[in-house]
Amino acid sequence: MGEITDMPAPTWNEERSDVLKSLAVLEVIGIDTRKDIATLGTAVTNGLIKLADRDQEQQEKLDDLELEQAKRGVKSKGQTERLGTIHDRVVEIEKLMPTVRLVLAVGAILGASLVALVWSVITGQAQIVF
């Protein structure tokens, strides 16, 4: 094994020089770190701005969709009311259908008798006297 020799104690100037070198290295590292932090801050700010823009666009689209949905709701309500009115009319007409059938039957019988009368006058089987 080798001998352990005592190293001479560093002088005050050597210690001062080592400390100054270390401080210079730390300052360079600090400057680079500040630049990195500034770059990172800029990137984060730009990202937040882009997100805010996208959020604004999406909010506008959502507002447009809500407005469109409200318009459809009003339109649908109006159509529902009209459909209700039409349904009421159909119910009223259905109530009148037996009467309409009776009138049609009477009209058909009278029409057939009128055609028979005209035919009998044409063929000479009947005469109209005034």
C-alpha atoms as a PDB file:
ATOM      1  CA  MET A   1       0.000   0.000   0.000  1.00  0.00           C
ATOM      2  CA  GLY A   2       1.036   3.471  -0.682  1.00  0.00           C
ATOM      3  CA  GLU A   3       1.813   5.976   1.879  1.00  0.00           C
ATOM      4  CA  ILE A   4      -0.701   8.562   2.817  1.00  0.00           C
ATOM      5  CA  THR A   5       0.859  11.901   2.632  1.00  0.00           C
ATOM      6  CA  ASP A   6      -0.528  14.944   4.165  1.00  0.00           C
ATOM      7  CA  MET A   7      -1.585  17.476   1.601  1.00  0.00           C
ATOM      8  CA  PRO A   8      -0.695  21.005   2.331  1.00  0.00           C
ATOM      9  CA  ALA A   9      -3.585  23.150   3.435  1.00  0.00           C
ATOM     10  CA  PRO A  10      -4.867  25.427   0.659  1.00  0.00           C
ATOM     11  CA  THR A  11      -4.073  29.028   0.988  1.00  0.00           C
ATOM     12  CA  TRP A  12      -6.638  31.726   1.325  1.00  0.00           C
ATOM     13  CA  ASN A  13      -6.139  32.801  -2.311  1.00  0.00           C
ATOM     14  CA  GLU A  14      -6.619  29.254  -3.558  1.00  0.00           C
ATOM     15  CA  GLU A  15      -9.821  28.865  -1.560  1.00  0.00           C
ATOM     16  CA  ARG A  16     -11.018  32.226  -2.787  1.00  0.00           C
ATOM     17  CA  SER A  17     -10.247  31.246  -6.393  1.00  0.00           C
ATOM     18  CA  ASP A  18     -12.119  27.929  -5.989  1.00  0.00           C
ATOM     19  CA  VAL A  19     -15.140  29.685  -4.482  1.00  0.00           C
ATOM     20  CA  LEU A  20     -15.154  32.282  -7.282  1.00  0.00           C
ATOM     21  CA  LYS A  21     -14.958  29.520  -9.913  1.00  0.00           C
ATOM     22  CA  SER A  22     -17.849  27.718  -8.224  1.00  0.00           C
ATOM     23  CA  LEU A  23     -19.860  30.935  -8.096  1.00  0.00           C
ATOM     24  CA  ALA A  24     -19.150  31.572 -11.795  1.00  0.00           C
ATOM     25  CA  VAL A  25     -20.342  28.052 -12.660  1.00  0.00           C
ATOM     26  CA  LEU A  26     -23.467  28.506 -10.517  1.00  0.00           C
ATOM     27  CA  GLU A  27     -24.143  31.880 -12.173  1.00  0.00           C
ATOM     28  CA  VAL A  28     -23.904  30.322 -15.652  1.00  0.00           C
ATOM     29  CA  ILE A  29     -26.203  27.516 -14.547  1.00  0.00           C
ATOM     30  CA  GLY A  30     -28.560  30.103 -13.008  1.00  0.00           C
ATOM     31  CA  ILE A  31     -28.641  32.135 -16.233  1.00  0.00           C
ATOM     32  CA  ASP A  32     -29.421  29.012 -18.251  1.00  0.00           C
ATOM     33  CA  THR A  33     -32.068  28.051 -15.727  1.00  0.00           C
ATOM     34  CA  ARG A  34     -33.627  31.518 -15.911  1.00  0.00           C
ATOM     35  CA  LYS A  35     -33.673  31.262 -19.709  1.00  0.00           C
ATOM     36  CA  ASP A  36     -35.277  27.824 -19.484  1.00  0.00           C
ATOM     37  CA  ILE A  37     -37.865  29.103 -17.020  1.00  0.00           C
ATOM     38  CA  ALA A  38     -38.600  32.100 -19.249  1.00  0.00           C
ATOM     39  CA  THR A  39     -38.967  29.799 -22.285  1.00  0.00           C
ATOM     40  CA  LEU A  40     -41.187  27.480 -20.292  1.00  0.00           C
ATOM     41  CA  GLY A  41     -43.278  30.432 -19.080  1.00  0.00           C
ATOM     42  CA  THR A  42     -43.695  31.639 -22.659  1.00  0.00           C
ATOM     43  CA  ALA A  43     -44.702  28.171 -23.827  1.00  0.00           C
ATOM     44  CA  VAL A  44     -47.215  27.825 -21.009  1.00  0.00           C
ATOM     45  CA  THR A  45     -48.628  31.282 -21.734  1.00  0.00           C
ATOM     46  CA  ASN A  46     -48.968  30.486 -25.440  1.00  0.00           C
ATOM     47  CA  GLY A  47     -50.622  27.182 -24.586  1.00  0.00           C
ATOM     48  CA  LEU A  48     -53.073  28.891 -22.263  1.00  0.00           C
ATOM     49  CA  ILE A  49     -53.887  31.477 -24.928  1.00  0.00           C
ATOM     50  CA  LYS A  50     -54.564  28.715 -27.466  1.00  0.00           C
ATOM     51  CA  LEU A  51     -56.732  26.877 -24.946  1.00  0.00           C
ATOM     52  CA  ALA A  52     -58.657  30.069 -24.191  1.00  0.00           C
ATOM     53  CA  ASP A  53     -59.236  30.607 -27.925  1.00  0.00           C
ATOM     54  CA  ARG A  54     -60.436  27.030 -28.371  1.00  0.00           C
ATOM     55  CA  ASP A  55     -62.636  27.372 -25.310  1.00  0.00           C
ATOM     56  CA  GLN A  56     -64.144  30.544 -26.743  1.00  0.00           C
ATOM     57  CA  GLU A  57     -64.810  28.823 -30.088  1.00  0.00           C
ATOM     58  CA  GLN A  58     -66.382  25.831 -28.371  1.00  0.00           C
ATOM     59  CA  GLN A  59     -68.494  28.110 -26.177  1.00  0.00           C
ATOM     60  CA  GLU A  60     -69.744  29.957 -29.273  1.00  0.00           C
ATOM     61  CA  LYS A  61     -70.622  26.645 -30.930  1.00  0.00           C
ATOM     62  CA  LEU A  62     -72.401  25.529 -27.786  1.00  0.00           C
ATOM     63  CA  ASP A  63     -74.340  28.805 -27.635  1.00  0.00           C
ATOM     64  CA  ASP A  64     -75.347  28.374 -31.291  1.00  0.00           C
ATOM     65  CA  LEU A  65     -76.478  24.809 -30.615  1.00  0.00           C
ATOM     66  CA  GLU A  66     -78.494  25.906 -27.580  1.00  0.00           C
ATOM     67  CA  LEU A  67     -80.151  28.648 -29.630  1.00  0.00           C
ATOM     68  CA  GLU A  68     -80.932  26.173 -32.421  1.00  0.00           C
ATOM     69  CA  GLN A  69     -82.368  23.731 -29.878  1.00  0.00           C
ATOM     70  CA  ALA A  70     -84.538  26.489 -28.402  1.00  0.00           C
ATOM     71  CA  LYS A  71     -85.806  27.387 -31.892  1.00  0.00           C
ATOM     72  CA  ARG A  72     -86.614  23.740 -32.556  1.00  0.00           C
ATOM     73  CA  GLY A  73     -88.421  23.544 -29.234  1.00  0.00           C
ATOM     74  CA  VAL A  74     -90.596  26.541 -30.107  1.00  0.00           C
ATOM     75  CA  LYS A  75     -91.221  25.155 -33.594  1.00  0.00           C
ATOM     76  CA  SER A  76     -92.046  21.749 -32.162  1.00  0.00           C
ATOM     77  CA  LYS A  77     -94.444  23.308 -29.650  1.00  0.00           C
ATOM     78  CA  GLY A  78     -96.231  25.142 -32.469  1.00  0.00           C
ATOM     79  CA  GLN A  79     -96.468  21.945 -34.512  1.00  0.00           C
ATOM     80  CA  THR A  80     -97.784  20.078 -31.479  1.00  0.00           C
ATOM     81  CA  GLU A  81    -100.482  22.713 -31.002  1.00  0.00           C
ATOM     82  CA  ARG A  82    -101.430  22.519 -34.690  1.00  0.00           C
ATOM     83  CA  LEU A  83    -101.511  18.738 -34.478  1.00  0.00           C
ATOM     84  CA  GLY A  84    -103.827  19.024 -31.473  1.00  0.00           C
ATOM     85  CA  THR A  85    -106.137  21.319 -33.462  1.00  0.00           C
ATOM     86  CA  ILE A  86    -106.130  18.918 -36.404  1.00  0.00           C
ATOM     87  CA  HIS A  87    -106.898  16.025 -34.061  1.00  0.00           C
ATOM     88  CA  ASP A  88    -109.874  17.928 -32.630  1.00  0.00           C
ATOM     89  CA  ARG A  89    -111.184  18.544 -36.154  1.00  0.00           C
ATOM     90  CA  VAL A  90    -110.805  14.857 -37.032  1.00  0.00           C
ATOM     91  CA  VAL A  91    -112.765  13.898 -33.912  1.00  0.00           C
ATOM     92  CA  GLU A  92    -115.563  16.303 -34.886  1.00  0.00           C
ATOM     93  CA  ILE A  93    -115.637  14.912 -38.432  1.00  0.00           C
ATOM     94  CA  GLU A  94    -115.762  11.344 -37.108  1.00  0.00           C
ATOM     95  CA  LYS A  95    -118.805  12.314 -35.038  1.00  0.00           C
ATOM     96  CA  LEU A  96    -120.476  13.538 -38.255  1.00  0.00           C
ATOM     97  CA  MET A  97    -119.649  10.434 -40.297  1.00  0.00           C
ATOM     98  CA  PRO A  98    -122.910   8.533 -39.572  1.00  0.00           C
ATOM     99  CA  THR A  99    -124.890  11.562 -40.714  1.00  0.00           C
ATOM    100  CA  VAL A 100    -122.720  11.913 -43.806  1.00  0.00           C
ATOM    101  CA  ARG A 101    -123.257   8.217 -44.641  1.00  0.00           C
ATOM    102  CA  LEU A 102    -127.015   8.619 -44.275  1.00  0.00           C
ATOM    103  CA  VAL A 103    -127.032  11.720 -46.496  1.00  0.00           C
ATOM    104  CA  LEU A 104    -124.918   9.893 -49.081  1.00  0.00           C
ATOM    105  CA  ALA A 105    -127.270   6.902 -49.038  1.00  0.00           C
ATOM    106  CA  VAL A 106    -130.350   9.121 -49.442  1.00  0.00           C
ATOM    107  CA  GLY A 107    -128.559  11.086 -52.166  1.00  0.00           C
ATOM    108  CA  ALA A 108    -127.608   7.870 -53.970  1.00  0.00           C
ATOM    109  CA  ILE A 109    -131.209   6.609 -53.818  1.00  0.00           C
ATOM    110  CA  LEU A 110    -132.579   9.942 -55.066  1.00  0.00           C
ATOM    111  CA  GLY A 111    -129.926  10.073 -57.773  1.00  0.00           C
ATOM    112  CA  ALA A 112    -130.744   6.552 -58.919  1.00  0.00           C
ATOM    113  CA  SER A 113    -134.483   7.333 -58.992  1.00  0.00           C
ATOM    114  CA  LEU A 114    -133.790  10.509 -60.978  1.00  0.00           C
ATOM    115  CA  VAL A 115    -131.704   8.537 -63.479  1.00  0.00           C
ATOM    116  CA  ALA A 116    -134.502   5.934 -63.696  1.00  0.00           C
ATOM    117  CA  LEU A 117    -137.060   8.702 -64.285  1.00  0.00           C
ATOM    118  CA  VAL A 118    -134.965  10.290 -67.019  1.00  0.00           C
ATOM    119  CA  TRP A 119    -134.466   6.888 -68.649  1.00  0.00           C
ATOM    120  CA  SER A 120    -138.121   6.081 -68.531  1.00  0.00           C
ATOM    121  CA  VAL A 121    -138.965   9.458 -70.114  1.00  0.00           C
ATOM    122  CA  ILE A 122    -136.380   8.837 -72.842  1.00  0.00           C
ATOM    123  CA  THR A 123    -137.686   5.359 -73.616  1.00  0.00           C
ATOM    124  CA  GLY A 124    -141.328   6.513 -73.509  1.00  0.00           C
ATOM    125  CA  GLN A 125    -142.327   4.407 -70.539  1.00  0.00           C
ATOM    126  CA  ALA A 126    -143.196   7.508 -68.486  1.00  0.00           C
ATOM    127  CA  GLN A 127    -144.598  10.902 -69.327  1.00  0.00           C
ATOM    128  CA  ILE A 128    -144.324  14.170 -67.511  1.00  0.00           C
ATOM    129  CA  VAL A 129    -147.627  16.084 -67.624  1.00  0.00           C
ATOM    130  CA  PHE A 130    -148.097  19.648 -66.427  1.00  0.00           C
END
